[in-house]
């Protein structure tokens, strides 16, 4: 077997500098200045992270690993291995070896994979190595070392038996259990693998609101999560705080959620706080006169330089995250940070959070920055004249078209949906009785036709007796068909908490879809100066959120929306 044994890790060094991480130029072994000499301004800069500069690699080691990763990209596997082994600090050797083993030009043997797992079972990629090793294990050969930490718990056997392939995708194991209403298993698995969102939902459903609060709090303060996720977690944390009598925490987490005003939960939080978001570039509309600003404050780092120094010296995963950042492997660094945060214990959670707050803004990716402001330029309102006129709130049509096609009238999806509202030809034929939509689907590129059919489909979803005109139920069904929503209603009953209902949908795409579309709908309503009574209904916790709440008398010359109440719902999905 190949020898992938680690050598002793070089001790990390931390340089205090006024430069941000993007200018990491301090010598690798710079001596920290005495803390007694830090000024008040320096202390404030350190609190905000401007003087917390984690450094893991020397200049020479950084060059060795950069050369190795460049060689991997070129397919020069031997140069990659040789360059990585020149580094005195072996913190990234496991990553280089993993990418060499999984390179398209190399076929890894069982012996190679087993040897790698012996030394690097704690890496996030260990799950893939283990799965491949098991497929290539010769008969009679002992099982290789399993990934350490949260993966491959025995309790997943019950999940797999219920139809969820936990071993193939352990990150989804807790959600699989939740979807089966096995709440105890969902909590146990979620806590093992760091799926705190699922833990929060499962604990909420078992009325363990203290545990629910703790779980959602972890997600809300996690800098590696995007703004949509953090806003949602903060709002659920506020709800759980209210159920546990922690009135002092409700406002705190509502304000946190409101930091992302473009999101679904951020808008609910703002409404509950009695505030409204600013919409920039909106032009002269009735809404502009009544907006207020929701403050977005910098998050304190919460860790000083000495603590960060000790943390990186003693935690190999944290050092690996910093080293990956230093060699330009930002996505891998982000994965290390996310895994570290999700599995951190009470003693190290603050340190992981501090490191994520320092590195996070420099890692790029989906950090939710687009959700911290609402720009009217991101919410187009093209002139559309549907065949037969408007039968829905125009804001909802805009919100759906924005999500479905980005207002590209000639958009065609991989599954065969067409036009502005991404109507399926078979669905168009079923709704109209016109089989010509199947033989000539290009007819759906006509905006007037497409929007008429899209409105008809939404109205048929609204007309379903199980949905009772509910905005959230109809929007979720526009994306995934009525099946997933009907399943969630069967599990929670006919009058569920509307937010829990959304989160209970077992199709992830549909959960995201309803939040993105309804958030945009409320923004369009604001821009048009139209009612937001559906938002008020959600804030009030009403079990139904009828879109009819937002219907108002039309301006002169414009027809009012009239819902098509079809006696028979449309067959199939879009």
Protein backbone atom coordinates (compact mmCIF):
# COMPACT_ATOMS: atom_id res chain seq x y z
CA UNK A 1 0.00 0.00 0.00
CA UNK A 2 1.10 3.56 -0.58
CA UNK A 3 2.34 5.41 2.48
CA UNK A 4 0.14 8.45 3.11
CA UNK A 5 1.21 8.83 6.76
CA UNK A 6 1.23 12.36 8.10
CA UNK A 7 4.38 13.89 9.44
CA UNK A 8 4.26 16.08 12.52
CA UNK A 9 2.29 19.23 11.81
CA UNK A 10 4.14 22.49 11.99
CA UNK A 11 2.80 24.77 14.67
CA UNK A 12 0.51 27.49 13.30
CA UNK A 13 1.45 31.09 13.62
CA UNK A 14 -0.79 34.11 13.93
CA UNK A 15 0.27 37.55 12.80
CA UNK A 16 -1.48 40.64 14.14
CA UNK A 17 -1.75 43.11 11.30
CA UNK A 18 -4.04 45.90 10.27
CA UNK A 19 -4.36 44.36 6.83
CA UNK A 20 -7.36 42.23 5.96
CA UNK A 21 -6.91 38.61 4.94
CA UNK A 22 -6.70 39.41 1.26
CA UNK A 23 -3.29 40.98 1.89
CA UNK A 24 -1.84 38.06 3.85
CA UNK A 25 1.77 39.11 3.63
CA UNK A 26 3.06 38.83 7.17
CA UNK A 27 5.96 36.40 7.67
CA UNK A 28 4.73 32.99 8.70
CA UNK A 29 6.62 33.15 11.97
CA UNK A 30 5.96 36.77 12.91
CA UNK A 31 5.79 37.34 16.64
CA UNK A 32 2.50 38.79 17.89
CA UNK A 33 2.82 42.22 19.45
CA UNK A 34 2.14 42.40 23.20
CA UNK A 35 -1.55 42.72 24.01
CA UNK A 36 -0.83 45.28 26.69
CA UNK A 37 0.07 47.79 23.99
CA UNK A 38 -3.15 47.44 22.00
CA UNK A 39 -5.00 50.75 21.78
CA UNK A 40 -8.74 51.23 22.09
CA UNK A 41 -9.00 51.59 18.31
CA UNK A 42 -6.92 48.46 17.83
CA UNK A 43 -9.19 46.57 20.20
CA UNK A 44 -12.26 47.69 18.26
CA UNK A 45 -10.62 46.68 14.98
CA UNK A 46 -9.82 43.29 16.48
CA UNK A 47 -13.42 42.87 17.67
CA UNK A 48 -14.61 43.50 14.11
CA UNK A 49 -12.03 41.11 12.68
CA UNK A 50 -9.77 43.68 11.02
CA UNK A 51 -6.83 42.60 13.17
CA UNK A 52 -7.54 38.89 13.38
CA UNK A 53 -5.32 37.40 10.68
CA UNK A 54 -5.07 33.62 10.81
CA UNK A 55 -2.01 32.22 9.07
CA UNK A 56 -1.36 28.51 8.61
CA UNK A 57 1.33 28.08 5.95
CA UNK A 58 4.81 29.46 5.42
CA UNK A 59 5.53 31.08 2.07
CA UNK A 60 7.47 28.00 0.97
CA UNK A 61 4.69 25.59 1.90
CA UNK A 62 2.10 27.80 0.27
CA UNK A 63 4.12 27.63 -2.95
CA UNK A 64 4.46 23.84 -2.70
CA UNK A 65 0.73 23.30 -2.34
CA UNK A 66 -0.20 25.87 -4.97
CA UNK A 67 2.14 24.10 -7.39
CA UNK A 68 0.59 20.75 -6.46
CA UNK A 69 -2.98 21.89 -7.07
CA UNK A 70 -1.97 23.52 -10.37
CA UNK A 71 -0.38 20.23 -11.44
CA UNK A 72 -3.58 18.36 -10.58
CA UNK A 73 -5.55 20.71 -12.82
CA UNK A 74 -3.14 19.93 -15.66
CA UNK A 75 -3.36 16.19 -15.01
CA UNK A 76 0.30 15.93 -13.95
CA UNK A 77 -0.33 13.63 -11.01
CA UNK A 78 3.28 12.77 -10.19
CA UNK A 79 4.33 16.43 -10.04
CA UNK A 80 1.34 17.11 -7.81
CA UNK A 81 2.38 14.40 -5.36
CA UNK A 82 6.05 15.42 -5.41
CA UNK A 83 5.27 19.11 -4.86
CA UNK A 84 2.90 18.41 -1.99
CA UNK A 85 5.48 16.21 -0.28
CA UNK A 86 8.01 19.02 -0.36
CA UNK A 87 5.90 20.97 2.13
CA UNK A 88 7.15 20.86 5.67
CA UNK A 89 3.60 21.16 6.98
CA UNK A 90 1.48 18.25 5.77
CA UNK A 91 -1.86 19.85 6.61
CA UNK A 92 -3.07 19.72 2.97
CA UNK A 93 -1.39 16.51 1.87
CA UNK A 94 -4.59 14.56 2.40
CA UNK A 95 -6.51 16.90 0.08
CA UNK A 96 -3.86 16.61 -2.64
CA UNK A 97 -3.80 12.81 -2.34
CA UNK A 98 -7.59 12.63 -2.45
CA UNK A 99 -7.76 14.64 -5.67
CA UNK A 100 -4.99 12.52 -7.17
CA UNK A 101 -6.85 9.31 -6.32
CA UNK A 102 -10.12 10.64 -7.77
CA UNK A 103 -8.58 12.24 -10.85
CA UNK A 104 -10.08 11.19 -14.17
CA UNK A 105 -6.66 9.92 -15.30
CA UNK A 106 -6.21 7.63 -12.31
CA UNK A 107 -8.09 4.53 -11.20
CA UNK A 108 -7.73 4.20 -7.45
CA UNK A 109 -7.30 0.71 -6.07
CA UNK A 110 -8.84 -0.58 -2.89
CA UNK A 111 -5.41 -0.61 -1.24
CA UNK A 112 -4.83 3.05 -2.11
CA UNK A 113 -8.23 4.09 -0.80
CA UNK A 114 -7.87 2.06 2.38
CA UNK A 115 -4.44 3.56 3.03
CA UNK A 116 -5.80 7.05 2.51
CA UNK A 117 -8.66 6.40 4.93
CA UNK A 118 -6.25 5.22 7.60
CA UNK A 119 -4.78 8.70 7.77
CA UNK A 120 -7.46 11.06 6.53
CA UNK A 121 -10.75 9.67 7.80
CA UNK A 122 -11.56 13.06 9.33
CA UNK A 123 -11.62 14.94 6.01
CA UNK A 124 -15.00 15.97 4.54
CA UNK A 125 -14.16 13.88 1.46
CA UNK A 126 -13.70 10.69 3.49
CA UNK A 127 -17.29 9.65 2.80
CA UNK A 128 -16.60 9.46 -0.95
CA UNK A 129 -13.36 7.56 -0.41
CA UNK A 130 -15.07 5.06 1.86
CA UNK A 131 -17.97 4.49 -0.54
CA UNK A 132 -15.58 3.84 -3.44
CA UNK A 133 -13.37 1.59 -1.32
CA UNK A 134 -16.36 -0.52 -0.34
CA UNK A 135 -17.30 -0.95 -4.01
CA UNK A 136 -13.75 -2.06 -4.84
CA UNK A 137 -13.09 -4.20 -1.78
CA UNK A 138 -12.01 -7.73 -2.77
CA UNK A 139 -13.88 -10.65 -1.26
CA UNK A 140 -12.62 -11.59 2.16
CA UNK A 141 -10.71 -8.34 2.70
CA UNK A 142 -11.54 -6.48 5.92
CA UNK A 143 -13.58 -3.31 5.70
CA UNK A 144 -11.47 -0.13 5.54
CA UNK A 145 -11.51 2.46 8.26
CA UNK A 146 -14.80 4.33 8.36
CA UNK A 147 -14.95 8.12 8.24
CA UNK A 148 -14.68 9.57 11.71
CA UNK A 149 -16.96 12.02 13.43
CA UNK A 150 -20.60 12.16 12.47
CA UNK A 151 -20.92 9.71 9.58
CA UNK A 152 -22.13 6.12 9.46
CA UNK A 153 -24.07 5.89 12.69
CA UNK A 154 -25.82 2.58 13.26
CA UNK A 155 -29.11 4.39 13.78
CA UNK A 156 -29.14 5.12 10.06
CA UNK A 157 -30.03 1.51 9.42
CA UNK A 158 -33.59 2.37 10.44
CA UNK A 159 -33.64 5.31 8.03
CA UNK A 160 -32.40 3.22 5.14
CA UNK A 161 -34.97 0.54 5.94
CA UNK A 162 -37.67 3.17 5.57
CA UNK A 163 -36.65 3.98 2.02
CA UNK A 164 -34.02 6.66 2.60
CA UNK A 165 -30.55 5.79 1.33
CA UNK A 166 -28.71 7.14 4.36
CA UNK A 167 -25.42 5.39 3.64
CA UNK A 168 -25.32 6.86 0.14
CA UNK A 169 -26.08 10.38 1.30
CA UNK A 170 -25.56 10.69 5.06
CA UNK A 171 -25.98 14.45 4.98
CA UNK A 172 -29.68 13.91 4.22
CA UNK A 173 -30.29 11.20 6.78
CA UNK A 174 -31.95 13.43 9.37
CA UNK A 175 -34.25 14.97 6.77
CA UNK A 176 -35.21 11.49 5.54
CA UNK A 177 -36.26 10.60 9.07
CA UNK A 178 -38.20 13.86 9.42
CA UNK A 179 -40.01 13.19 6.16
CA UNK A 180 -41.09 9.83 7.61
CA UNK A 181 -42.32 11.61 10.77
CA UNK A 182 -39.73 9.70 12.81
CA UNK A 183 -39.02 12.78 14.90
CA UNK A 184 -36.86 11.14 17.56
CA UNK A 185 -34.55 9.67 14.92
CA UNK A 186 -34.48 12.98 13.03
CA UNK A 187 -33.30 14.75 16.19
CA UNK A 188 -30.71 12.09 17.03
CA UNK A 189 -29.30 11.96 13.51
CA UNK A 190 -29.40 15.72 13.07
CA UNK A 191 -27.39 16.26 16.21
CA UNK A 192 -24.86 13.66 15.06
CA UNK A 193 -24.30 15.08 11.59
CA UNK A 194 -24.84 18.75 12.37
CA UNK A 195 -28.13 19.16 10.49
CA UNK A 196 -29.39 21.71 12.99
CA UNK A 197 -32.23 23.00 10.80
CA UNK A 198 -33.82 19.56 10.79
CA UNK A 199 -33.21 19.22 14.53
CA UNK A 200 -35.00 22.53 15.07
CA UNK A 201 -38.03 21.49 13.02
CA UNK A 202 -38.29 18.05 14.58
CA UNK A 203 -37.93 19.45 18.09
CA UNK A 204 -40.60 22.07 17.33
CA UNK A 205 -42.99 19.34 16.27
CA UNK A 206 -42.35 17.45 19.51
CA UNK A 207 -42.96 20.66 21.50
CA UNK A 208 -39.34 20.61 22.75
CA UNK A 209 -39.04 24.32 22.10
CA UNK A 210 -35.90 24.78 24.16
CA UNK A 211 -34.04 22.30 21.96
CA UNK A 212 -35.63 23.84 18.88
CA UNK A 213 -34.37 27.28 19.92
CA UNK A 214 -30.84 26.00 20.47
CA UNK A 215 -30.78 24.28 17.09
CA UNK A 216 -32.11 27.23 15.11
CA UNK A 217 -29.79 29.58 16.96
CA UNK A 218 -26.81 27.57 15.71
CA UNK A 219 -27.94 28.01 12.11
CA UNK A 220 -28.84 31.68 12.55
CA UNK A 221 -25.37 32.66 13.77
CA UNK A 222 -23.49 30.44 11.30
CA UNK A 223 -21.56 32.79 8.97
CA UNK A 224 -21.11 30.05 6.39
CA UNK A 225 -24.85 29.86 5.70
CA UNK A 226 -26.48 32.17 3.18
CA UNK A 227 -28.83 35.00 4.07
CA UNK A 228 -31.99 33.10 3.17
CA UNK A 229 -31.09 30.26 5.52
CA UNK A 230 -29.95 32.51 8.34
CA UNK A 231 -33.03 34.72 8.10
CA UNK A 232 -35.27 31.66 8.31
CA UNK A 233 -33.37 30.14 11.21
CA UNK A 234 -33.40 33.42 13.13
CA UNK A 235 -37.16 33.76 12.68
CA UNK A 236 -37.74 30.20 13.88
CA UNK A 237 -35.42 30.85 16.82
CA UNK A 238 -37.56 33.87 17.71
CA UNK A 239 -40.70 31.71 17.53
CA UNK A 240 -39.13 29.05 19.74
CA UNK A 241 -37.95 31.69 22.20
CA UNK A 242 -41.54 32.86 22.53
CA UNK A 243 -42.73 29.33 23.28
CA UNK A 244 -40.14 28.95 26.05
CA UNK A 245 -40.93 32.27 27.69
CA UNK A 246 -37.62 33.82 26.67
CA UNK A 247 -39.14 37.14 25.77
CA UNK A 248 -35.72 38.83 25.85
CA UNK A 249 -34.56 36.75 22.88
CA UNK A 250 -37.57 37.26 20.62
CA UNK A 251 -36.66 40.79 19.53
CA UNK A 252 -33.00 39.85 19.19
CA UNK A 253 -33.69 37.13 16.66
CA UNK A 254 -36.42 39.03 14.85
CA UNK A 255 -33.91 41.83 14.29
CA UNK A 256 -31.37 39.28 13.11
CA UNK A 257 -33.83 37.84 10.59
CA UNK A 258 -34.69 41.35 9.41
CA UNK A 259 -31.09 41.88 8.35
CA UNK A 260 -32.03 40.13 5.09
CA UNK A 261 -35.12 42.11 3.99
CA UNK A 262 -35.31 40.55 0.53
CA UNK A 263 -35.97 37.12 2.02
CA UNK A 264 -39.26 35.46 2.89
CA UNK A 265 -38.58 35.24 6.60
CA UNK A 266 -36.81 38.60 6.69
CA UNK A 267 -39.96 40.33 5.45
CA UNK A 268 -42.09 38.50 8.02
CA UNK A 269 -39.70 39.57 10.78
CA UNK A 270 -39.72 43.20 9.63
CA UNK A 271 -43.51 43.23 9.59
CA UNK A 272 -43.62 41.76 13.08
CA UNK A 273 -41.19 44.46 14.25
CA UNK A 274 -43.39 47.16 12.71
CA UNK A 275 -40.72 48.13 10.18
CA UNK A 276 -40.56 48.24 6.42
CA UNK A 277 -37.57 47.65 4.13
CA UNK A 278 -36.06 50.30 1.91
CA UNK A 279 -36.46 49.63 -1.79
CA UNK A 280 -33.75 51.44 -3.73
CA UNK A 281 -34.13 52.68 -7.30
CA UNK A 282 -37.87 52.33 -6.99
CA UNK A 283 -38.76 55.66 -8.57
CA UNK A 284 -41.74 57.84 -7.70
CA UNK A 285 -44.28 55.40 -6.29
CA UNK A 286 -46.74 55.72 -3.40
CA UNK A 287 -44.62 53.31 -1.38
CA UNK A 288 -41.50 55.47 -1.30
CA UNK A 289 -42.91 57.95 1.19
CA UNK A 290 -43.40 55.45 4.01
CA UNK A 291 -40.27 53.30 4.00
CA UNK A 292 -38.02 52.92 7.00
CA UNK A 293 -34.51 51.55 7.21
CA UNK A 294 -33.69 48.23 8.85
CA UNK A 295 -30.15 48.50 10.22
CA UNK A 296 -27.54 45.96 9.17
CA UNK A 297 -24.83 45.98 11.80
CA UNK A 298 -21.44 44.31 11.59
CA UNK A 299 -21.28 41.08 13.56
CA UNK A 300 -18.55 41.06 16.21
CA UNK A 301 -15.92 38.39 15.76
CA UNK A 302 -16.03 37.43 19.44
CA UNK A 303 -12.49 35.98 19.49
CA UNK A 304 -9.21 37.73 20.23
CA UNK A 305 -5.89 37.08 18.57
CA UNK A 306 -4.45 34.85 21.25
CA UNK A 307 -7.54 32.66 21.31
CA UNK A 308 -7.39 32.31 17.53
CA UNK A 309 -3.69 31.47 17.76
CA UNK A 310 -4.34 28.68 20.26
CA UNK A 311 -7.33 27.42 18.30
CA UNK A 312 -5.39 27.01 15.07
CA UNK A 313 -2.48 25.43 16.89
CA UNK A 314 -4.67 22.77 18.47
CA UNK A 315 -7.39 22.09 15.88
CA UNK A 316 -6.19 20.46 12.67
CA UNK A 317 -9.47 21.01 10.83
CA UNK A 318 -9.42 24.74 11.57
CA UNK A 319 -5.83 24.96 10.37
CA UNK A 320 -6.79 23.07 7.25
CA UNK A 321 -9.55 25.59 6.53
CA UNK A 322 -7.10 28.49 6.77
CA UNK A 323 -4.49 26.67 4.69
CA UNK A 324 -7.04 25.92 1.97
CA UNK A 325 -7.95 29.60 1.89
CA UNK A 326 -4.30 30.60 1.59
CA UNK A 327 -3.74 28.43 -1.49
CA UNK A 328 -6.90 29.69 -3.18
CA UNK A 329 -9.12 26.67 -2.50
CA UNK A 330 -12.00 28.77 -1.31
CA UNK A 331 -14.82 26.30 -1.86
CA UNK A 332 -12.91 23.63 0.06
CA UNK A 333 -12.16 26.11 2.84
CA UNK A 334 -15.85 26.97 3.01
CA UNK A 335 -16.71 23.26 3.33
CA UNK A 336 -14.22 22.85 6.18
CA UNK A 337 -15.67 25.86 7.98
CA UNK A 338 -19.22 24.62 7.52
CA UNK A 339 -18.39 21.12 8.75
CA UNK A 340 -16.45 22.50 11.69
CA UNK A 341 -19.30 24.75 12.75
CA UNK A 342 -21.97 22.10 12.40
CA UNK A 343 -20.13 19.57 14.52
CA UNK A 344 -18.50 21.92 17.03
CA UNK A 345 -19.12 21.28 20.70
CA UNK A 346 -19.99 23.94 23.22
CA UNK A 347 -16.32 24.64 24.01
CA UNK A 348 -15.20 25.28 20.41
CA UNK A 349 -18.33 26.67 18.82
CA UNK A 350 -17.42 30.29 19.62
CA UNK A 351 -13.96 29.81 18.11
CA UNK A 352 -15.32 28.24 14.93
CA UNK A 353 -17.84 31.04 14.61
CA UNK A 354 -15.11 33.64 15.00
CA UNK A 355 -12.96 31.98 12.37
CA UNK A 356 -15.91 31.77 9.98
CA UNK A 357 -16.66 35.46 10.49
CA UNK A 358 -13.07 36.35 9.65
CA UNK A 359 -12.75 34.09 6.62
CA UNK A 360 -16.35 34.01 5.42
CA UNK A 361 -16.52 37.40 3.64
CA UNK A 362 -13.32 36.53 1.78
CA UNK A 363 -14.44 33.12 0.61
CA UNK A 364 -17.10 34.37 -1.78
CA UNK A 365 -19.87 32.02 -2.84
CA UNK A 366 -23.47 32.22 -1.71
CA UNK A 367 -23.36 34.39 1.40
CA UNK A 368 -26.74 36.00 0.97
CA UNK A 369 -25.34 39.46 0.25
CA UNK A 370 -28.03 39.98 -2.40
CA UNK A 371 -30.66 39.52 0.30
CA UNK A 372 -29.44 42.41 2.46
CA UNK A 373 -31.02 45.02 0.20
CA UNK A 374 -33.95 45.30 -2.17
CA UNK A 375 -33.17 46.92 -5.50
CA UNK A 376 -36.14 47.64 -7.74
CA UNK A 377 -33.90 46.96 -10.73
CA UNK A 378 -33.92 43.31 -9.71
CA UNK A 379 -37.72 43.20 -9.96
CA UNK A 380 -38.69 44.04 -13.56
CA UNK A 381 -42.28 44.87 -14.46
CA UNK A 382 -42.58 44.40 -18.22
CA UNK A 383 -45.73 45.27 -20.07
CA UNK A 384 -47.74 42.08 -20.54
CA UNK A 385 -51.25 41.81 -21.95
CA UNK A 386 -52.50 38.28 -21.24
CA UNK A 387 -55.15 36.72 -23.42
CA UNK A 388 -58.38 37.22 -21.51
CA UNK A 389 -56.82 39.82 -19.20
CA UNK A 390 -55.47 39.57 -15.69
CA UNK A 391 -57.05 36.91 -13.50
CA UNK A 392 -54.42 37.04 -10.73
CA UNK A 393 -52.67 39.78 -8.86
CA UNK A 394 -50.14 41.06 -11.37
CA UNK A 395 -47.47 40.97 -8.66
CA UNK A 396 -47.80 37.20 -8.38
CA UNK A 397 -47.46 36.69 -12.12
CA UNK A 398 -44.33 38.85 -12.10
CA UNK A 399 -42.92 36.94 -9.13
CA UNK A 400 -43.47 33.57 -10.81
CA UNK A 401 -42.09 34.71 -14.18
CA UNK A 402 -39.06 36.22 -12.44
CA UNK A 403 -38.28 32.90 -10.80
CA UNK A 404 -39.24 30.62 -13.66
CA UNK A 405 -37.64 32.32 -16.66
CA UNK A 406 -36.11 35.62 -15.54
CA UNK A 407 -38.66 37.15 -17.96
CA UNK A 408 -37.16 35.35 -20.96
CA UNK A 409 -40.18 34.73 -23.20
CA UNK A 410 -38.25 32.10 -25.18
CA UNK A 411 -36.92 30.17 -22.19
CA UNK A 412 -37.10 26.40 -22.37
CA UNK A 413 -36.21 24.20 -19.42
CA UNK A 414 -34.44 20.82 -19.57
CA UNK A 415 -37.73 19.12 -18.69
CA UNK A 416 -39.57 20.83 -21.55
CA UNK A 417 -41.35 23.80 -19.94
CA UNK A 418 -41.79 26.85 -22.16
CA UNK A 419 -41.96 30.61 -21.94
CA UNK A 420 -42.33 33.27 -19.28
CA UNK A 421 -44.14 31.12 -16.73
CA UNK A 422 -42.57 27.83 -17.88
CA UNK A 423 -45.75 26.05 -18.90
CA UNK A 424 -45.54 22.38 -19.88
CA UNK A 425 -47.12 21.61 -23.28
CA UNK A 426 -48.97 18.59 -21.87
CA UNK A 427 -50.42 20.71 -19.08
CA UNK A 428 -51.48 23.38 -21.57
CA UNK A 429 -53.22 20.71 -23.63
CA UNK A 430 -54.95 19.24 -20.59
CA UNK A 431 -56.21 22.63 -19.43
CA UNK A 432 -57.47 23.77 -22.82
CA UNK A 433 -58.29 20.54 -24.66
CA UNK A 434 -56.02 21.78 -27.47
CA UNK A 435 -53.52 19.05 -28.39
CA UNK A 436 -51.82 21.55 -30.65
CA UNK A 437 -49.76 22.69 -27.68
CA UNK A 438 -48.08 19.26 -27.69
CA UNK A 439 -47.42 19.15 -31.42
CA UNK A 440 -46.45 22.83 -31.64
CA UNK A 441 -45.14 23.82 -28.20
CA UNK A 442 -43.53 26.97 -29.63
CA UNK A 443 -46.95 28.58 -29.26
CA UNK A 444 -46.09 28.85 -25.57
CA UNK A 445 -43.35 31.34 -26.41
CA UNK A 446 -46.10 33.92 -26.99
CA UNK A 447 -46.26 35.95 -23.73
CA UNK A 448 -49.99 36.60 -23.99
CA UNK A 449 -50.75 32.89 -24.35
CA UNK A 450 -48.19 31.75 -21.82
CA UNK A 451 -49.35 34.11 -19.09
CA UNK A 452 -53.00 33.19 -19.68
CA UNK A 453 -52.18 29.52 -19.16
CA UNK A 454 -49.90 30.20 -16.22
CA UNK A 455 -52.62 32.19 -14.51
CA UNK A 456 -55.14 29.45 -15.23
CA UNK A 457 -52.91 26.86 -13.59
CA UNK A 458 -52.40 28.98 -10.46
CA UNK A 459 -56.14 29.62 -10.27
CA UNK A 460 -56.86 25.91 -10.53
CA UNK A 461 -54.48 25.28 -7.66
CA UNK A 462 -56.21 28.02 -5.65
CA UNK A 463 -59.56 26.40 -6.43
CA UNK A 464 -58.63 23.02 -5.00
CA UNK A 465 -60.81 22.35 -1.93
CA UNK A 466 -57.74 21.36 0.08
CA UNK A 467 -56.01 24.68 -0.69
CA UNK A 468 -58.97 27.03 -0.13
CA UNK A 469 -57.41 29.87 -2.11
CA UNK A 470 -54.22 29.80 -0.02
CA UNK A 471 -51.31 31.70 -1.58
CA UNK A 472 -48.54 29.54 -0.12
CA UNK A 473 -50.18 26.24 -1.04
CA UNK A 474 -50.88 27.31 -4.61
CA UNK A 475 -47.38 28.68 -5.23
CA UNK A 476 -45.72 25.52 -3.92
CA UNK A 477 -47.96 23.47 -6.19
CA UNK A 478 -47.12 25.57 -9.25
CA UNK A 479 -43.57 24.35 -8.94
CA UNK A 480 -43.97 20.72 -7.90
CA UNK A 481 -47.59 19.92 -8.63
CA UNK A 482 -50.13 19.49 -5.84
CA UNK A 483 -48.77 16.15 -4.61
CA UNK A 484 -46.06 17.33 -2.18
CA UNK A 485 -48.33 19.96 -0.64
CA UNK A 486 -51.18 17.49 -0.26
CA UNK A 487 -48.75 15.12 1.45
CA UNK A 488 -47.70 17.84 3.90
CA UNK A 489 -51.35 18.60 4.66
CA UNK A 490 -52.04 14.94 5.36
CA UNK A 491 -49.19 14.88 7.85
CA UNK A 492 -50.07 18.11 9.67
CA UNK A 493 -53.85 18.26 9.31
CA UNK A 494 -56.16 20.65 7.43
CA UNK A 495 -55.39 23.77 9.51
CA UNK A 496 -51.64 23.71 10.12
CA UNK A 497 -49.24 26.50 10.99
CA UNK A 498 -48.51 27.89 7.49
CA UNK A 499 -44.76 28.19 8.07
CA UNK A 500 -44.47 24.67 9.43
CA UNK A 501 -46.50 23.50 6.45
CA UNK A 502 -43.95 24.95 4.04
CA UNK A 503 -41.06 23.40 5.93
CA UNK A 504 -42.83 20.01 5.96
CA UNK A 505 -42.94 19.73 2.15
CA UNK A 506 -40.65 16.81 1.36
CA UNK A 507 -39.36 18.27 -1.93
CA UNK A 508 -36.47 20.69 -1.22
CA UNK A 509 -36.95 22.55 -4.51
CA UNK A 510 -40.59 23.27 -3.68
CA UNK A 511 -39.69 24.61 -0.22
CA UNK A 512 -37.18 27.01 -1.73
CA UNK A 513 -39.52 27.93 -4.56
CA UNK A 514 -42.43 29.05 -2.41
CA UNK A 515 -40.15 31.24 -0.27
CA UNK A 516 -38.45 32.88 -3.27
CA UNK A 517 -41.69 33.51 -5.18
CA UNK A 518 -43.76 34.76 -2.25
CA UNK A 519 -40.93 37.03 -1.08
CA UNK A 520 -40.79 38.54 -4.57
CA UNK A 521 -44.59 38.81 -4.64
CA UNK A 522 -44.59 40.88 -1.46
CA UNK A 523 -41.85 43.11 -2.87
CA UNK A 524 -43.82 43.66 -6.08
CA UNK A 525 -46.89 44.48 -3.99
CA UNK A 526 -44.88 47.08 -2.06
CA UNK A 527 -43.50 48.62 -5.24
CA UNK A 528 -47.03 48.94 -6.63
CA UNK A 529 -48.46 50.35 -3.40
CA UNK A 530 -50.86 47.42 -3.15
CA UNK A 531 -52.05 45.55 -0.02
CA UNK A 532 -49.93 43.13 1.98
CA UNK A 533 -52.71 41.47 3.93
CA UNK A 534 -51.31 38.03 3.08
CA UNK A 535 -48.09 39.02 4.84
CA UNK A 536 -50.11 40.18 7.83
CA UNK A 537 -51.91 36.83 7.88
CA UNK A 538 -48.60 34.96 8.02
CA UNK A 539 -47.34 37.22 10.81
CA UNK A 540 -50.56 36.56 12.73
CA UNK A 541 -50.11 32.80 12.33
CA UNK A 542 -53.41 32.30 10.55
CA UNK A 543 -53.74 28.75 9.20
CA UNK A 544 -54.96 30.04 5.83
CA UNK A 545 -53.35 32.80 3.76
CA UNK A 546 -55.92 33.48 1.01
CA UNK A 547 -54.55 35.54 -1.85
CA UNK A 548 -57.97 37.20 -2.02
CA UNK A 549 -56.89 39.21 1.02
CA UNK A 550 -54.70 41.26 -1.31
CA UNK A 551 -57.32 41.93 -3.99
CA UNK A 552 -58.40 45.56 -4.20
CA UNK A 553 -60.62 47.61 -6.46
CA UNK A 554 -58.70 48.19 -9.71
CA UNK A 555 -57.70 51.62 -11.06
CA UNK A 556 -60.02 53.06 -13.73
CA UNK A 557 -59.77 51.16 -16.98
CA UNK A 558 -58.21 48.02 -15.48
CA UNK A 559 -60.09 44.80 -14.86
CA UNK A 560 -60.03 43.31 -11.39
CA UNK A 561 -58.48 39.88 -10.89
CA UNK A 562 -61.11 37.16 -10.99
CA UNK A 563 -60.15 33.72 -9.83
CA UNK A 564 -61.11 30.86 -12.13
CA UNK A 565 -62.85 28.41 -9.79
CA UNK A 566 -62.65 25.28 -11.91
CA UNK A 567 -64.88 22.41 -10.86
CA UNK A 568 -62.19 19.87 -11.75
CA UNK A 569 -58.52 20.47 -10.89
CA UNK A 570 -55.92 20.19 -13.62
CA UNK A 571 -54.56 16.70 -14.18
CA UNK A 572 -50.85 16.24 -13.55
CA UNK A 573 -48.27 18.96 -13.06
CA UNK A 574 -46.84 21.69 -15.17
